Protein backbone atom coordinates (compact mmCIF):
# COMPACT_ATOMS: atom_id res chain seq x y z
CA UNK A 1 40.91 -15.23 -51.32
CA UNK A 2 38.15 -17.03 -52.89
CA UNK A 3 40.19 -20.26 -51.92
CA UNK A 4 40.42 -19.24 -48.20
CA UNK A 5 36.45 -18.66 -48.05
CA UNK A 6 35.75 -22.23 -49.44
CA UNK A 7 37.88 -23.66 -46.84
CA UNK A 8 36.39 -21.94 -44.39
CA UNK A 9 32.78 -23.06 -45.43
CA UNK A 10 34.24 -26.41 -45.76
CA UNK A 11 35.59 -26.81 -42.19
CA UNK A 12 32.06 -25.27 -41.17
CA UNK A 13 29.92 -27.67 -42.73
CA UNK A 14 31.87 -30.37 -41.79
CA UNK A 15 31.56 -29.44 -38.10
CA UNK A 16 28.10 -28.93 -38.57
CA UNK A 17 27.89 -32.19 -39.75
CA UNK A 18 30.04 -33.71 -37.15
CA UNK A 19 28.24 -32.05 -34.53
CA UNK A 20 24.76 -33.35 -35.84
CA UNK A 21 26.11 -36.99 -35.95
CA UNK A 22 27.91 -36.59 -32.49
CA UNK A 23 24.56 -35.18 -31.18
CA UNK A 24 22.43 -38.40 -32.90
CA UNK A 25 24.80 -40.68 -31.36
CA UNK A 26 24.35 -39.29 -27.78
CA UNK A 27 20.82 -39.17 -27.85
CA UNK A 28 20.59 -42.46 -29.12
CA UNK A 29 22.81 -43.70 -26.09
CA UNK A 30 20.96 -41.76 -23.71
CA UNK A 31 17.47 -42.84 -24.45
CA UNK A 32 15.78 -44.23 -21.57
CA UNK A 33 14.36 -47.72 -22.59
CA UNK A 34 12.22 -48.24 -19.86
CA UNK A 35 8.55 -47.30 -20.65
CA UNK A 36 4.78 -47.42 -18.79
CA UNK A 37 2.94 -48.76 -21.67
CA UNK A 38 -0.36 -49.07 -20.50
CA UNK A 39 -2.37 -49.01 -17.56
CA UNK A 40 -5.75 -51.17 -17.05
CA UNK A 41 -8.43 -50.43 -13.89
CA UNK A 42 -10.76 -52.91 -12.74
CA UNK A 43 -13.29 -52.05 -9.66
CA UNK A 44 -13.12 -54.18 -6.72
CA UNK A 45 -15.35 -54.49 -3.58
CA UNK A 46 -17.96 -51.43 -3.67
CA UNK A 47 -18.93 -50.42 -0.53
CA UNK A 48 -21.34 -47.39 -0.44
CA UNK A 49 -18.87 -44.93 0.85
CA UNK A 50 -15.68 -46.54 -0.59
CA UNK A 51 -14.22 -48.38 -3.75
CA UNK A 52 -11.52 -50.44 -4.45
CA UNK A 53 -9.69 -50.13 -7.69
CA UNK A 54 -7.30 -53.01 -9.15
CA UNK A 55 -4.67 -50.81 -11.29
CA UNK A 56 -2.71 -52.79 -13.32
CA UNK A 57 0.36 -50.94 -14.70
CA UNK A 58 2.45 -52.77 -17.99
CA UNK A 59 6.36 -51.64 -17.93
CA UNK A 60 8.57 -52.80 -21.07
CA UNK A 61 12.09 -52.98 -21.46
CA UNK A 62 12.56 -51.54 -24.98
CA UNK A 63 16.42 -52.17 -24.87
CA UNK A 64 17.71 -54.45 -27.59
CA UNK A 65 20.43 -55.28 -29.66
CA UNK A 66 24.03 -56.85 -28.66
CA UNK A 67 24.46 -54.29 -26.15
CA UNK A 68 21.06 -54.94 -24.77
CA UNK A 69 21.23 -55.33 -21.08
CA UNK A 70 18.90 -55.92 -18.16
CA UNK A 71 17.54 -53.20 -15.86
CA UNK A 72 18.51 -52.26 -12.66
CA UNK A 73 16.14 -52.52 -9.77
CA UNK A 74 12.40 -50.78 -10.41
CA UNK A 75 10.26 -49.82 -8.27
CA UNK A 76 6.41 -48.35 -9.23
CA UNK A 77 4.64 -45.57 -7.10
CA UNK A 78 1.06 -45.54 -8.13
CA UNK A 79 -0.91 -42.18 -6.95
CA UNK A 80 -4.73 -41.09 -6.76
CA UNK A 81 -5.52 -37.42 -7.05
CA UNK A 82 -8.68 -36.08 -6.60
CA UNK A 83 -9.99 -34.25 -10.06
CA UNK A 84 -11.75 -31.53 -8.34
CA UNK A 85 -9.14 -30.45 -6.03
CA UNK A 86 -6.27 -31.66 -6.95
CA UNK A 87 -5.37 -33.49 -3.51
CA UNK A 88 -3.15 -36.44 -3.24
CA UNK A 89 -5.81 -38.95 -1.78
CA UNK A 90 -4.04 -42.15 -1.58
CA UNK A 91 -0.68 -43.75 -2.88
CA UNK A 92 0.92 -47.27 -3.01
CA UNK A 93 4.34 -48.25 -3.67
CA UNK A 94 5.49 -51.47 -5.36
CA UNK A 95 8.51 -53.40 -5.84
CA UNK A 96 9.37 -54.27 -9.83
CA UNK A 97 13.00 -55.47 -9.87
CA UNK A 98 14.76 -56.10 -12.97
CA UNK A 99 13.52 -56.40 -16.48
CA UNK A 100 15.16 -57.97 -19.06
CA UNK A 101 15.77 -56.88 -22.46
CA UNK A 102 12.33 -56.87 -24.78
CA UNK A 103 10.40 -58.13 -21.82
CA UNK A 104 7.12 -56.69 -20.68
CA UNK A 105 5.78 -57.07 -16.96
CA UNK A 106 3.11 -56.19 -15.30
CA UNK A 107 2.66 -54.66 -11.64
CA UNK A 108 -0.81 -54.77 -9.85
CA UNK A 109 -1.60 -52.19 -7.42
CA UNK A 110 -4.91 -51.78 -5.14
CA UNK A 111 -6.11 -48.57 -3.82
CA UNK A 112 -9.01 -47.88 -1.73
CA UNK A 113 -10.55 -44.74 -2.37
CA UNK A 114 -13.70 -42.67 -1.37
CA UNK A 115 -16.80 -43.11 -3.57
CA UNK A 116 -17.35 -40.05 -5.01
CA UNK A 117 -16.33 -37.76 -8.13
CA UNK A 118 -13.29 -38.67 -9.78
CA UNK A 119 -9.70 -39.17 -9.69
CA UNK A 120 -6.16 -38.96 -11.62
CA UNK A 121 -4.20 -42.13 -11.82
CA UNK A 122 -0.29 -41.54 -12.01
CA UNK A 123 1.99 -44.36 -12.24
CA UNK A 124 5.85 -43.42 -11.84
CA UNK A 125 8.51 -46.00 -12.53
CA UNK A 126 11.73 -45.53 -10.62
CA UNK A 127 15.48 -47.68 -11.44
CA UNK A 128 17.53 -47.17 -8.40
CA UNK A 129 15.52 -43.91 -7.31
CA UNK A 130 15.64 -42.26 -10.40
CA UNK A 131 12.31 -41.32 -12.31
CA UNK A 132 12.52 -42.88 -15.76
CA UNK A 133 9.11 -42.78 -17.11
CA UNK A 134 5.37 -41.84 -16.19
CA UNK A 135 1.69 -43.13 -17.20
CA UNK A 136 -1.81 -41.58 -16.44
CA UNK A 137 -5.13 -42.52 -16.31
CA UNK A 138 -8.60 -41.04 -15.00
CA UNK A 139 -11.63 -42.49 -13.75
CA UNK A 140 -15.04 -40.55 -12.97
CA UNK A 141 -18.47 -40.80 -11.81
CA UNK A 142 -17.68 -43.28 -8.97
CA UNK A 143 -20.69 -41.96 -7.05
CA UNK A 144 -22.82 -43.26 -9.51
CA UNK A 145 -21.61 -47.01 -9.02
CA UNK A 146 -24.36 -49.19 -6.72
CA UNK A 147 -23.01 -50.36 -3.46
CA UNK A 148 -22.06 -54.11 -3.58
CA UNK A 149 -24.85 -55.22 -1.33
CA UNK A 150 -24.01 -59.01 -2.12
CA UNK A 151 -21.44 -58.37 1.08
CA UNK A 152 -24.44 -58.54 3.47
CA UNK A 153 -27.70 -59.69 1.30
CA UNK A 154 -29.64 -56.96 2.62
CA UNK A 155 -31.18 -54.09 0.91
CA UNK A 156 -33.74 -50.83 1.79
CA UNK A 157 -36.88 -51.62 -0.63
CA UNK A 158 -38.42 -48.06 0.79
CA UNK A 159 -39.38 -45.86 3.68
CA UNK A 160 -42.78 -45.07 4.46
CA UNK A 161 -43.59 -41.43 6.64
CA UNK A 162 -45.92 -41.04 9.34
CA UNK A 163 -47.01 -38.07 11.34
CA UNK A 164 -47.09 -39.22 15.10
CA UNK A 165 -47.32 -35.64 16.81
CA UNK A 166 -46.97 -31.89 15.65
CA UNK A 167 -46.82 -29.04 18.28
CA UNK A 168 -44.82 -26.38 19.38
CA UNK A 169 -42.81 -26.00 15.74
CA UNK A 170 -41.70 -29.95 16.22
CA UNK A 171 -42.85 -32.92 14.37
CA UNK A 172 -42.61 -36.47 15.60
CA UNK A 173 -42.05 -38.57 12.17
CA UNK A 174 -42.26 -42.45 12.34
CA UNK A 175 -40.41 -43.67 9.42
CA UNK A 176 -41.03 -47.30 8.56
CA UNK A 177 -37.93 -48.78 6.73
CA UNK A 178 -38.72 -52.07 4.65
CA UNK A 179 -35.51 -54.11 4.95
CA UNK A 180 -34.97 -57.11 2.52
CA UNK A 181 -32.84 -60.46 3.05
CA UNK A 182 -32.19 -61.56 -0.64
CA UNK A 183 -29.77 -64.14 0.34
CA UNK A 184 -30.00 -67.85 0.96
CA UNK A 185 -29.54 -67.68 4.70
CA UNK A 186 -30.50 -65.53 7.61
CA UNK A 187 -29.13 -62.26 7.91
CA UNK A 188 -27.27 -60.87 11.22
CA UNK A 189 -28.19 -58.34 13.20
CA UNK A 190 -26.99 -55.09 11.83
CA UNK A 191 -26.84 -51.56 13.46
CA UNK A 192 -29.35 -49.27 11.40
CA UNK A 193 -28.75 -45.30 11.53
CA UNK A 194 -31.45 -42.93 10.52
CA UNK A 195 -31.07 -39.14 10.16
CA UNK A 196 -33.01 -36.31 8.72
CA UNK A 197 -31.35 -33.55 6.83
CA UNK A 198 -32.45 -30.08 6.24
CA UNK A 199 -32.30 -29.80 2.30
CA UNK A 200 -31.50 -26.17 2.26
CA UNK A 201 -29.14 -25.72 4.97
CA UNK A 202 -27.64 -29.39 5.07
CA UNK A 203 -28.14 -29.36 9.06
CA UNK A 204 -29.06 -32.61 10.34
CA UNK A 205 -32.35 -32.19 12.16
CA UNK A 206 -32.21 -35.71 13.96
CA UNK A 207 -30.27 -38.63 14.28
CA UNK A 208 -31.48 -42.55 15.74
CA UNK A 209 -29.95 -45.91 15.57
CA UNK A 210 -31.99 -48.99 15.72
CA UNK A 211 -31.14 -52.32 14.61
CA UNK A 212 -31.82 -54.85 11.56
CA UNK A 213 -32.76 -57.60 13.55
CA UNK A 214 -32.20 -61.10 12.03
CA UNK A 215 -34.07 -61.51 8.97
CA UNK A 216 -35.04 -64.72 7.42
CA UNK A 217 -34.12 -65.56 3.89
CA UNK A 218 -36.46 -63.68 1.02
CA UNK A 219 -38.10 -62.04 3.73
CA UNK A 220 -38.94 -58.22 4.41
CA UNK A 221 -39.74 -56.87 7.62
CA UNK A 222 -40.52 -53.47 8.54
CA UNK A 223 -38.19 -51.44 11.12
CA UNK A 224 -39.76 -48.10 12.54
CA UNK A 225 -37.80 -45.37 13.97
CA UNK A 226 -39.28 -41.87 15.11
CA UNK A 227 -37.87 -38.75 14.45
CA UNK A 228 -38.09 -35.34 15.98
CA UNK A 229 -37.45 -32.49 13.24
CA UNK A 230 -38.52 -28.72 12.99
CA UNK A 231 -41.86 -28.27 11.53
CA UNK A 232 -42.11 -26.53 8.09
CA UNK A 233 -38.78 -27.72 6.64
CA UNK A 234 -38.03 -30.01 3.75
CA UNK A 235 -35.92 -33.02 4.47
CA UNK A 236 -33.82 -35.75 3.10
CA UNK A 237 -33.94 -38.75 5.19
CA UNK A 238 -30.98 -40.99 5.12
CA UNK A 239 -31.11 -44.77 6.16
CA UNK A 240 -27.57 -46.60 6.66
CA UNK A 241 -26.62 -49.94 7.77
CA UNK A 242 -23.51 -50.33 9.49
CA UNK A 243 -20.98 -53.55 9.97
CA UNK A 244 -18.78 -52.52 12.72
CA UNK A 245 -17.46 -49.11 11.05
CA UNK A 246 -18.20 -49.98 7.84
CA UNK A 247 -21.52 -48.71 6.14
CA UNK A 248 -22.47 -51.55 3.95
CA UNK A 249 -25.82 -50.81 2.79
CA UNK A 250 -28.06 -47.35 2.50
CA UNK A 251 -31.52 -46.19 1.39
CA UNK A 252 -32.88 -42.82 0.89
CA UNK A 253 -36.07 -40.64 0.47
CA UNK A 254 -37.47 -37.46 1.30
CA UNK A 255 -40.31 -35.87 3.48
CA UNK A 256 -41.60 -32.09 2.67
CA UNK A 257 -43.03 -30.43 5.63
CA UNK A 258 -42.97 -27.38 3.49
CA UNK A 259 -44.03 -28.50 0.09
CA UNK A 260 -43.63 -26.10 -3.14
CA UNK A 261 -46.21 -25.81 -5.80
CA UNK A 262 -46.23 -24.21 -9.77
CA UNK A 263 -48.27 -21.26 -10.43
CA UNK A 264 -49.45 -20.36 -13.45
CA UNK A 265 -47.96 -21.13 -17.09
CA UNK A 266 -45.12 -19.51 -16.32
CA UNK A 267 -44.19 -22.21 -13.73
CA UNK A 268 -42.79 -20.43 -11.09
CA UNK A 269 -42.55 -22.14 -7.56
CA UNK A 270 -44.18 -21.02 -4.78
CA UNK A 271 -44.07 -22.31 -1.37
CA UNK A 272 -47.52 -23.76 -0.17
CA UNK A 273 -46.65 -25.46 3.27
CA UNK A 274 -47.68 -28.41 4.78
CA UNK A 275 -50.39 -28.58 7.36
CA UNK A 276 -48.70 -31.52 9.77
CA UNK A 277 -51.21 -31.52 12.11
CA UNK A 278 -53.98 -32.47 9.38
CA UNK A 279 -51.78 -35.83 9.11
CA UNK A 280 -51.74 -36.95 12.91
CA UNK A 281 -53.66 -39.97 13.62
CA UNK A 282 -55.07 -39.22 17.03
CA UNK A 283 -56.03 -42.70 17.53
CA UNK A 284 -52.86 -44.43 16.71
CA UNK A 285 -50.75 -41.70 18.37
CA UNK A 286 -52.75 -42.19 21.74
CA UNK A 287 -52.60 -46.01 21.77
CA UNK A 288 -50.04 -47.68 19.56
CA UNK A 289 -50.56 -50.96 18.34
CA UNK A 290 -48.81 -54.29 19.91
CA UNK A 291 -46.34 -55.98 17.65
CA UNK A 292 -47.61 -59.44 16.79
CA UNK A 293 -46.46 -62.42 14.78
CA UNK A 294 -48.20 -63.96 11.96
CA UNK A 295 -48.77 -67.01 14.20
CA UNK A 296 -50.11 -64.99 17.25
CA UNK A 297 -52.61 -63.67 14.83
CA UNK A 298 -53.45 -67.22 13.45
CA UNK A 299 -54.09 -68.39 17.05
CA UNK A 300 -56.32 -65.06 17.95
CA UNK A 301 -58.33 -65.76 14.75
CA UNK A 302 -59.06 -69.41 15.11
CA UNK A 303 -60.11 -68.57 18.89
CA UNK A 304 -62.55 -65.60 17.94
CA UNK A 305 -63.80 -68.37 15.37
CA UNK A 306 -63.74 -71.26 17.81
CA UNK A 307 -66.00 -68.88 20.35
CA UNK A 308 -68.81 -67.66 17.33
CA UNK A 309 -69.18 -71.71 16.52
CA UNK A 310 -70.06 -72.86 20.10
CA UNK A 311 -73.62 -73.21 20.60
CA UNK A 312 -75.77 -71.29 22.84
CA UNK A 313 -75.43 -73.46 26.23
CA UNK A 314 -76.02 -71.54 28.93
CA UNK A 315 -78.97 -69.82 27.16
CA UNK A 316 -80.38 -73.42 27.04
CA UNK A 317 -79.55 -74.32 30.43
CA UNK A 318 -81.29 -71.03 32.02
CA UNK A 319 -84.31 -71.64 30.24
CA UNK A 320 -84.95 -75.42 31.35
CA UNK A 321 -84.25 -74.02 35.21
CA UNK A 322 -87.19 -71.47 34.64
CA UNK A 323 -89.35 -74.27 33.19
CA UNK A 324 -88.48 -76.49 36.28
CA UNK A 325 -89.19 -73.59 39.04
CA UNK A 326 -92.52 -72.91 37.06
CA UNK A 327 -93.55 -76.60 37.34
CA UNK A 328 -92.52 -77.01 40.99
CA UNK A 329 -94.40 -73.82 42.00
CA UNK A 330 -97.67 -75.26 40.06
CA UNK A 331 -97.49 -78.32 42.37
CA UNK A 332 -97.41 -76.56 45.56
CA UNK A 333 -100.76 -74.78 44.26
CA UNK A 334 -102.14 -77.96 43.47
């Protein structure tokens, strides 16, 4: 009886050893040699609303030994998913081909994404349509990257606001936009869009179009645009430079027609309002000054100085005629 039990135990142990050994052989033979080892991300052209990402994916065929062989045809799918809503924003497919044993190849893919928030980048490797491996990388805070304004060499240096008219709960605000060309040649004439958005409701109160005009190198010009908005609201004013259908530059400032103030030590905010009528310049609102170039200003100044420097010939002539008339009258009396 004891001999039978030892025999059964031995057979069970041998069976377990065989199963383990066989299982190890199966796992080794079925192990996937194709691996995504790394993802490198480099920013490309950064615009106001979009950004280009150059994503390089590294793939290795780790198969080795005498039985090693090249992979079959492989391909790579790169996906960009938004971090906040998990939406698929963009994807790209690239053909890789066969990968030799022990070889590492890389594939660079370009993705154009909205320049806001962050994204999860997923690179999925396929061999003859079968998924083999995946690699991940995350990018975030893309909206903090400044736009590549070298594309047009123009920038918005500031905005001044003047109240031109305040009546019937409406305010006409003149926005003086300072545009600088920091490039080495004259700029093109780009479209300029100005819009005022209520800070609280996010409603656009007014939107107007203008042009930058052709700006000489290292020159700053002022472009004035009037916006008509409801009174007693606070606005964020955006200036967008457009090249065809693409935003290539921007600026932003704030105008408060319902200003707030701090009350007491508790730092409680209270709306104090803004008396917009007090900021209206009636003289300028009645007759706005005509535009004048620097050359016209210099000519006008020289003309006025020349008039001031001319001697008083009309007065001397009148005095001489009076003297002659007096002499002639005296001779008649004699």
